[in-house]
Amino acid sequence: MYDENLKEIQIELCSLCKDFIQYIKKLEDESVISHEEYLTHTEKKIDFLNKVNHI
């Protein structure tokens, strides 16, 4: 039960991270934020996605 809930939470968090990264990328593409800001705001999300995909 706990493992199932944890897996569901991970799936939702991955989805949220991906959506956030896409939104931040759009802001970068529109020159609203710099590439450095993009990296700052997405680094932890990308690390999380990579970690979850290797579990």
Protein backbone atom coordinates (compact mmCIF):
# COMPACT_ATOMS: atom_id res chain seq x y z
CA MET A 1 0.00 0.00 0.00
CA TYR A 2 2.73 2.45 1.00
CA ASP A 3 4.80 1.58 -2.06
CA GLU A 4 1.78 2.10 -4.33
CA ASN A 5 1.12 5.53 -2.83
CA LEU A 6 4.77 6.47 -3.14
CA LYS A 7 4.78 5.41 -6.79
CA GLU A 8 1.66 7.50 -7.49
CA ILE A 9 3.25 10.51 -5.80
CA GLN A 10 6.42 10.06 -7.86
CA ILE A 11 4.38 9.93 -11.07
CA GLU A 12 2.56 13.13 -10.17
CA LEU A 13 5.77 14.88 -9.15
CA CYS A 14 7.41 13.86 -12.42
CA SER A 15 4.48 15.26 -14.34
CA LEU A 16 4.62 18.49 -12.37
CA CYS A 17 8.38 18.82 -12.93
CA LYS A 18 8.02 18.23 -16.67
CA ASP A 19 5.26 20.83 -16.93
CA PHE A 20 7.33 23.31 -14.95
CA ILE A 21 10.40 22.73 -17.12
CA GLN A 22 8.34 23.27 -20.27
CA TYR A 23 6.92 26.49 -18.87
CA ILE A 24 10.35 27.80 -17.89
CA LYS A 25 11.71 26.83 -21.32
CA LYS A 26 8.92 28.83 -22.93
CA LEU A 27 9.89 31.85 -20.84
CA GLU A 28 13.49 31.44 -21.94
CA ASP A 29 12.46 31.09 -25.60
CA GLU A 30 10.45 34.30 -25.30
CA SER A 31 13.45 36.06 -23.71
CA VAL A 32 11.56 36.67 -20.50
CA ILE A 33 14.31 34.92 -18.54
CA SER A 34 17.96 34.25 -19.35
CA HIS A 35 19.50 30.85 -19.95
CA GLU A 36 21.19 31.09 -16.56
CA GLU A 37 17.81 31.64 -14.91
CA TYR A 38 16.43 28.68 -16.82
CA LEU A 39 19.24 26.51 -15.49
CA THR A 40 18.79 27.79 -11.95
CA HIS A 41 15.07 27.04 -11.92
CA THR A 42 15.24 23.65 -13.62
CA GLU A 43 18.37 22.05 -12.23
CA LYS A 44 16.75 20.33 -9.23
CA LYS A 45 13.74 19.22 -11.25
CA ILE A 46 15.94 17.62 -13.90
CA ASP A 47 18.04 15.94 -11.19
CA PHE A 48 14.87 14.55 -9.62
CA LEU A 49 13.59 13.24 -12.96
CA ASN A 50 16.91 11.56 -13.67
CA LYS A 51 16.99 9.99 -10.22
CA VAL A 52 13.45 8.65 -10.44
CA ASN A 53 14.05 7.21 -13.90
CA HIS A 54 16.99 5.20 -12.58
CA ILE A 55 15.12 3.66 -9.65
